[in-house]
PDB file of all heavy atoms in Angstrom:
ATOM      1  N   PRO A   1      11.743  -7.941 -10.054  1.00  0.00           N
ATOM      2  CA  PRO A   1      11.578  -7.612  -8.619  1.00  0.00           C
ATOM      3  C   PRO A   1      12.110  -6.218  -8.286  1.00  0.00           C
ATOM      4  O   PRO A   1      11.511  -5.563  -7.453  1.00  0.00           O
ATOM      5  CB  PRO A   1      12.405  -8.726  -7.889  1.00  0.00           C
ATOM      6  CG  PRO A   1      12.347  -9.870  -8.859  1.00  0.00           C
ATOM      7  CD  PRO A   1      12.360  -9.252 -10.233  1.00  0.00           C
ATOM      8  N   SER A   2      13.168  -5.804  -8.934  1.00  0.00           N
ATOM      9  CA  SER A   2      13.717  -4.471  -8.623  1.00  0.00           C
ATOM     10  C   SER A   2      12.715  -3.381  -9.063  1.00  0.00           C
ATOM     11  O   SER A   2      12.619  -2.330  -8.428  1.00  0.00           O
ATOM     12  CB  SER A   2      15.023  -4.257  -9.438  1.00  0.00           C
ATOM     13  OG  SER A   2      14.852  -4.468 -10.883  1.00  0.00           O
ATOM     14  N   ALA A   3      11.957  -3.637 -10.193  1.00  0.00           N
ATOM     15  CA  ALA A   3      10.946  -2.659 -10.622  1.00  0.00           C
ATOM     16  C   ALA A   3       9.831  -2.594  -9.633  1.00  0.00           C
ATOM     17  O   ALA A   3       9.266  -1.545  -9.339  1.00  0.00           O
ATOM     18  CB  ALA A   3      10.453  -3.024 -11.967  1.00  0.00           C
ATOM     19  N   ILE A   4       9.454  -3.745  -9.042  1.00  0.00           N
ATOM     20  CA  ILE A   4       8.401  -3.766  -8.027  1.00  0.00           C
ATOM     21  C   ILE A   4       8.826  -2.990  -6.772  1.00  0.00           C
ATOM     22  O   ILE A   4       8.078  -2.200  -6.260  1.00  0.00           O
ATOM     23  CB  ILE A   4       8.052  -5.200  -7.686  1.00  0.00           C
ATOM     24  CG1 ILE A   4       7.509  -5.996  -8.907  1.00  0.00           C
ATOM     25  CG2 ILE A   4       7.009  -5.266  -6.555  1.00  0.00           C
ATOM     26  CD1 ILE A   4       7.299  -7.433  -8.695  1.00  0.00           C
ATOM     27  N   VAL A   5      10.014  -3.215  -6.360  1.00  0.00           N
ATOM     28  CA  VAL A   5      10.573  -2.485  -5.169  1.00  0.00           C
ATOM     29  C   VAL A   5      10.600  -0.979  -5.477  1.00  0.00           C
ATOM     30  O   VAL A   5      10.219  -0.199  -4.637  1.00  0.00           O
ATOM     31  CB  VAL A   5      11.990  -3.014  -4.772  1.00  0.00           C
ATOM     32  CG1 VAL A   5      12.589  -2.139  -3.705  1.00  0.00           C
ATOM     33  CG2 VAL A   5      11.870  -4.480  -4.368  1.00  0.00           C
ATOM     34  N   ARG A   6      11.051  -0.642  -6.676  1.00  0.00           N
ATOM     35  CA  ARG A   6      11.126   0.808  -7.070  1.00  0.00           C
ATOM     36  C   ARG A   6       9.732   1.418  -7.068  1.00  0.00           C
ATOM     37  O   ARG A   6       9.523   2.537  -6.588  1.00  0.00           O
ATOM     38  CB  ARG A   6      11.763   0.933  -8.441  1.00  0.00           C
ATOM     39  CG  ARG A   6      12.232   2.358  -8.778  1.00  0.00           C
ATOM     40  CD  ARG A   6      12.832   2.407 -10.173  1.00  0.00           C
ATOM     41  NE  ARG A   6      13.773   1.353 -10.390  1.00  0.00           N
ATOM     42  CZ  ARG A   6      13.613   0.410 -11.308  1.00  0.00           C
ATOM     43  NH1 ARG A   6      12.531   0.408 -12.057  1.00  0.00           N
ATOM     44  NH2 ARG A   6      14.530  -0.520 -11.485  1.00  0.00           N
ATOM     45  N   ALA A   7       8.761   0.671  -7.568  1.00  0.00           N
ATOM     46  CA  ALA A   7       7.388   1.208  -7.567  1.00  0.00           C
ATOM     47  C   ALA A   7       6.822   1.349  -6.184  1.00  0.00           C
ATOM     48  O   ALA A   7       6.182   2.316  -5.853  1.00  0.00           O
ATOM     49  CB  ALA A   7       6.475   0.256  -8.375  1.00  0.00           C
ATOM     50  N   ALA A   8       7.188   0.390  -5.287  1.00  0.00           N
ATOM     51  CA  ALA A   8       6.725   0.487  -3.906  1.00  0.00           C
ATOM     52  C   ALA A   8       7.325   1.691  -3.203  1.00  0.00           C
ATOM     53  O   ALA A   8       6.679   2.380  -2.415  1.00  0.00           O
ATOM     54  CB  ALA A   8       7.084  -0.813  -3.118  1.00  0.00           C
ATOM     55  N   VAL A   9       8.576   1.988  -3.524  1.00  0.00           N
ATOM     56  CA  VAL A   9       9.262   3.176  -2.911  1.00  0.00           C
ATOM     57  C   VAL A   9       8.739   4.452  -3.497  1.00  0.00           C
ATOM     58  O   VAL A   9       8.440   5.390  -2.745  1.00  0.00           O
ATOM     59  CB  VAL A   9      10.806   3.064  -3.115  1.00  0.00           C
ATOM     60  CG1 VAL A   9      11.476   4.358  -2.620  1.00  0.00           C
ATOM     61  CG2 VAL A   9      11.361   1.862  -2.337  1.00  0.00           C
ATOM     62  N   ASP A  10       8.604   4.501  -4.815  1.00  0.00           N
ATOM     63  CA  ASP A  10       8.144   5.737  -5.481  1.00  0.00           C
ATOM     64  C   ASP A  10       6.726   6.082  -5.121  1.00  0.00           C
ATOM     65  O   ASP A  10       6.400   7.290  -4.954  1.00  0.00           O
ATOM     66  CB  ASP A  10       8.267   5.584  -6.979  1.00  0.00           C
ATOM     67  CG  ASP A  10       9.742   5.520  -7.465  1.00  0.00           C
ATOM     68  OD1 ASP A  10      10.608   5.882  -6.694  1.00  0.00           O
ATOM     69  OD2 ASP A  10       9.941   5.059  -8.602  1.00  0.00           O
ATOM     70  N   ASP A  11       5.904   5.088  -4.939  1.00  0.00           N
ATOM     71  CA  ASP A  11       4.489   5.329  -4.627  1.00  0.00           C
ATOM     72  C   ASP A  11       4.158   4.906  -3.216  1.00  0.00           C
ATOM     73  O   ASP A  11       3.029   4.491  -2.907  1.00  0.00           O
ATOM     74  CB  ASP A  11       3.575   4.528  -5.630  1.00  0.00           C
ATOM     75  CG  ASP A  11       3.698   5.004  -7.030  1.00  0.00           C
ATOM     76  OD1 ASP A  11       3.160   6.121  -7.301  1.00  0.00           O
ATOM     77  OD2 ASP A  11       4.319   4.369  -7.851  1.00  0.00           O
ATOM     78  N   ARG A  12       5.115   5.081  -2.312  1.00  0.00           N
ATOM     79  CA  ARG A  12       4.886   4.607  -0.930  1.00  0.00           C
ATOM     80  C   ARG A  12       3.768   5.379  -0.235  1.00  0.00           C
ATOM     81  O   ARG A  12       3.030   4.792   0.567  1.00  0.00           O
ATOM     82  CB  ARG A  12       6.183   4.730  -0.134  1.00  0.00           C
ATOM     83  CG  ARG A  12       6.779   6.141  -0.065  1.00  0.00           C
ATOM     84  CD  ARG A  12       8.152   6.126   0.616  1.00  0.00           C
ATOM     85  NE  ARG A  12       8.777   7.410   0.685  1.00  0.00           N
ATOM     86  CZ  ARG A  12       9.502   7.923  -0.352  1.00  0.00           C
ATOM     87  NH1 ARG A  12       9.689   7.202  -1.444  1.00  0.00           N
ATOM     88  NH2 ARG A  12      10.076   9.132  -0.242  1.00  0.00           N
ATOM     89  N   ALA A  13       3.622   6.659  -0.534  1.00  0.00           N
ATOM     90  CA  ALA A  13       2.529   7.465   0.103  1.00  0.00           C
ATOM     91  C   ALA A  13       1.172   6.920  -0.381  1.00  0.00           C
ATOM     92  O   ALA A  13       0.244   6.745   0.435  1.00  0.00           O
ATOM     93  CB  ALA A  13       2.670   8.915  -0.243  1.00  0.00           C
ATOM     94  N   LEU A  14       1.058   6.683  -1.673  1.00  0.00           N
ATOM     95  CA  LEU A  14      -0.178   6.157  -2.241  1.00  0.00           C
ATOM     96  C   LEU A  14      -0.516   4.758  -1.654  1.00  0.00           C
ATOM     97  O   LEU A  14      -1.653   4.499  -1.233  1.00  0.00           O
ATOM     98  CB  LEU A  14      -0.050   6.028  -3.768  1.00  0.00           C
ATOM     99  CG  LEU A  14      -1.201   5.365  -4.470  1.00  0.00           C
ATOM    100  CD1 LEU A  14      -2.505   6.163  -4.341  1.00  0.00           C
ATOM    101  CD2 LEU A  14      -0.853   5.180  -5.977  1.00  0.00           C
ATOM    102  N   LEU A  15       0.488   3.897  -1.589  1.00  0.00           N
ATOM    103  CA  LEU A  15       0.317   2.546  -1.041  1.00  0.00           C
ATOM    104  C   LEU A  15      -0.020   2.579   0.405  1.00  0.00           C
ATOM    105  O   LEU A  15      -0.827   1.741   0.914  1.00  0.00           O
ATOM    106  CB  LEU A  15       1.497   1.685  -1.337  1.00  0.00           C
ATOM    107  CG  LEU A  15       1.798   1.316  -2.808  1.00  0.00           C
ATOM    108  CD1 LEU A  15       3.124   0.632  -2.938  1.00  0.00           C
ATOM    109  CD2 LEU A  15       0.649   0.399  -3.352  1.00  0.00           C
ATOM    110  N   ALA A  16       0.593   3.493   1.139  1.00  0.00           N
ATOM    111  CA  ALA A  16       0.355   3.572   2.605  1.00  0.00           C
ATOM    112  C   ALA A  16      -1.102   3.958   2.865  1.00  0.00           C
ATOM    113  O   ALA A  16      -1.746   3.384   3.738  1.00  0.00           O
ATOM    114  CB  ALA A  16       1.348   4.554   3.235  1.00  0.00           C
ATOM    115  N   ASP A  17      -1.549   5.012   2.155  1.00  0.00           N
ATOM    116  CA  ASP A  17      -2.954   5.452   2.367  1.00  0.00           C
ATOM    117  C   ASP A  17      -3.908   4.357   1.946  1.00  0.00           C
ATOM    118  O   ASP A  17      -4.912   4.084   2.640  1.00  0.00           O
ATOM    119  CB  ASP A  17      -3.199   6.725   1.545  1.00  0.00           C
ATOM    120  CG  ASP A  17      -2.439   7.917   2.038  1.00  0.00           C
ATOM    121  OD1 ASP A  17      -2.004   7.865   3.221  1.00  0.00           O
ATOM    122  OD2 ASP A  17      -2.250   8.894   1.314  1.00  0.00           O
ATOM    123  N   ALA A  18      -3.641   3.704   0.800  1.00  0.00           N
ATOM    124  CA  ALA A  18      -4.513   2.645   0.303  1.00  0.00           C
ATOM    125  C   ALA A  18      -4.516   1.427   1.247  1.00  0.00           C
ATOM    126  O   ALA A  18      -5.589   0.848   1.504  1.00  0.00           O
ATOM    127  CB  ALA A  18      -4.080   2.212  -1.108  1.00  0.00           C
ATOM    128  N   SER A  19      -3.345   1.078   1.726  1.00  0.00           N
ATOM    129  CA  SER A  19      -3.277  -0.068   2.640  1.00  0.00           C
ATOM    130  C   SER A  19      -4.047   0.174   3.948  1.00  0.00           C
ATOM    131  O   SER A  19      -4.619  -0.735   4.529  1.00  0.00           O
ATOM    132  CB  SER A  19      -1.811  -0.437   2.933  1.00  0.00           C
ATOM    133  OG  SER A  19      -1.145   0.622   3.643  1.00  0.00           O
ATOM    134  N   LEU A  20      -4.022   1.430   4.433  1.00  0.00           N
ATOM    135  CA  LEU A  20      -4.769   1.748   5.642  1.00  0.00           C
ATOM    136  C   LEU A  20      -6.264   1.608   5.421  1.00  0.00           C
ATOM    137  O   LEU A  20      -6.991   1.061   6.291  1.00  0.00           O
ATOM    138  CB  LEU A  20      -4.468   3.194   6.085  1.00  0.00           C
ATOM    139  CG  LEU A  20      -5.133   3.700   7.364  1.00  0.00           C
ATOM    140  CD1 LEU A  20      -4.770   2.813   8.538  1.00  0.00           C
ATOM    141  CD2 LEU A  20      -4.797   5.152   7.609  1.00  0.00           C
ATOM    142  N   VAL A  21      -6.747   2.029   4.269  1.00  0.00           N
ATOM    143  CA  VAL A  21      -8.168   1.857   3.921  1.00  0.00           C
ATOM    144  C   VAL A  21      -8.530   0.398   3.851  1.00  0.00           C
ATOM    145  O   VAL A  21      -9.516  -0.043   4.450  1.00  0.00           O
ATOM    146  CB  VAL A  21      -8.495   2.570   2.583  1.00  0.00           C
ATOM    147  CG1 VAL A  21      -9.913   2.225   2.142  1.00  0.00           C
ATOM    148  CG2 VAL A  21      -8.310   4.062   2.734  1.00  0.00           C
ATOM    149  N   THR A  22      -7.734  -0.357   3.143  1.00  0.00           N
ATOM    150  CA  THR A  22      -8.018  -1.825   3.014  1.00  0.00           C
ATOM    151  C   THR A  22      -7.919  -2.532   4.323  1.00  0.00           C
ATOM    152  O   THR A  22      -8.724  -3.407   4.647  1.00  0.00           O
ATOM    153  CB  THR A  22      -7.067  -2.448   1.978  1.00  0.00           C
ATOM    154  OG1 THR A  22      -7.159  -1.759   0.733  1.00  0.00           O
ATOM    155  CG2 THR A  22      -7.358  -3.938   1.799  1.00  0.00           C
ATOM    156  N   ALA A  23      -6.920  -2.136   5.135  1.00  0.00           N
ATOM    157  CA  ALA A  23      -6.757  -2.837   6.461  1.00  0.00           C
ATOM    158  C   ALA A  23      -7.970  -2.567   7.300  1.00  0.00           C
ATOM    159  O   ALA A  23      -8.445  -3.428   8.106  1.00  0.00           O
ATOM    160  CB  ALA A  23      -5.494  -2.334   7.123  1.00  0.00           C
ATOM    161  N   THR A  24      -8.505  -1.298   7.287  1.00  0.00           N
ATOM    162  CA  THR A  24      -9.670  -0.985   8.071  1.00  0.00           C
ATOM    163  C   THR A  24     -10.886  -1.825   7.639  1.00  0.00           C
ATOM    164  O   THR A  24     -11.603  -2.377   8.453  1.00  0.00           O
ATOM    165  CB  THR A  24     -10.002   0.502   7.901  1.00  0.00           C
ATOM    166  OG1 THR A  24      -8.915   1.294   8.298  1.00  0.00           O
ATOM    167  CG2 THR A  24     -11.222   0.861   8.736  1.00  0.00           C
ATOM    168  N   GLU A  25     -11.018  -1.978   6.338  1.00  0.00           N
ATOM    169  CA  GLU A  25     -12.159  -2.827   5.798  1.00  0.00           C
ATOM    170  C   GLU A  25     -11.943  -4.248   6.269  1.00  0.00           C
ATOM    171  O   GLU A  25     -12.920  -4.945   6.649  1.00  0.00           O
ATOM    172  CB  GLU A  25     -12.170  -2.746   4.311  1.00  0.00           C
ATOM    173  CG  GLU A  25     -12.457  -1.374   3.744  1.00  0.00           C
ATOM    174  CD  GLU A  25     -12.164  -1.188   2.307  1.00  0.00           C
ATOM    175  OE1 GLU A  25     -11.614  -2.151   1.708  1.00  0.00           O
ATOM    176  OE2 GLU A  25     -12.441  -0.132   1.712  1.00  0.00           O
ATOM    177  N   VAL A  26     -10.759  -4.753   6.200  1.00  0.00           N
ATOM    178  CA  VAL A  26     -10.464  -6.175   6.540  1.00  0.00           C
ATOM    179  C   VAL A  26     -10.764  -6.438   8.004  1.00  0.00           C
ATOM    180  O   VAL A  26     -11.430  -7.397   8.385  1.00  0.00           O
ATOM    181  CB  VAL A  26      -9.004  -6.529   6.146  1.00  0.00           C
ATOM    182  CG1 VAL A  26      -8.606  -7.859   6.788  1.00  0.00           C
ATOM    183  CG2 VAL A  26      -8.864  -6.591   4.680  1.00  0.00           C
ATOM    184  N   VAL A  27     -10.199  -5.565   8.892  1.00  0.00           N
ATOM    185  CA  VAL A  27     -10.342  -5.811  10.302  1.00  0.00           C
ATOM    186  C   VAL A  27     -11.777  -5.651  10.794  1.00  0.00           C
ATOM    187  O   VAL A  27     -12.299  -6.569  11.497  1.00  0.00           O
ATOM    188  CB  VAL A  27      -9.399  -4.847  11.100  1.00  0.00           C
ATOM    189  CG1 VAL A  27      -9.659  -4.977  12.588  1.00  0.00           C
ATOM    190  CG2 VAL A  27      -7.962  -5.154  10.810  1.00  0.00           C
ATOM    191  N   LEU A  28     -12.427  -4.591  10.357  1.00  0.00           N
ATOM    192  CA  LEU A  28     -13.837  -4.398  10.752  1.00  0.00           C
ATOM    193  C   LEU A  28     -14.736  -5.463  10.185  1.00  0.00           C
ATOM    194  O   LEU A  28     -15.642  -5.960  10.859  1.00  0.00           O
ATOM    195  CB  LEU A  28     -14.309  -3.014  10.296  1.00  0.00           C
ATOM    196  CG  LEU A  28     -13.668  -1.814  11.028  1.00  0.00           C
ATOM    197  CD1 LEU A  28     -14.249  -0.486  10.485  1.00  0.00           C
ATOM    198  CD2 LEU A  28     -13.861  -1.896  12.531  1.00  0.00           C
ATOM    199  N   GLY A  29     -14.515  -5.799   8.912  1.00  0.00           N
ATOM    200  CA  GLY A  29     -15.331  -6.877   8.315  1.00  0.00           C
ATOM    201  C   GLY A  29     -15.146  -8.195   9.009  1.00  0.00           C
ATOM    202  O   GLY A  29     -16.129  -8.972   9.220  1.00  0.00           O
TER     203      GLY A  29
END
C-alpha cells in the first residue's frame, strides 16, 4: 500500500489529467 500511495503522489499530475479525461467520458456517456 505504501508503494501505491507513493506512486499516486509521484505521478499525481499524470493521474489528475488522466482522471479528468476518464471522468468526462463517464459523465457524458
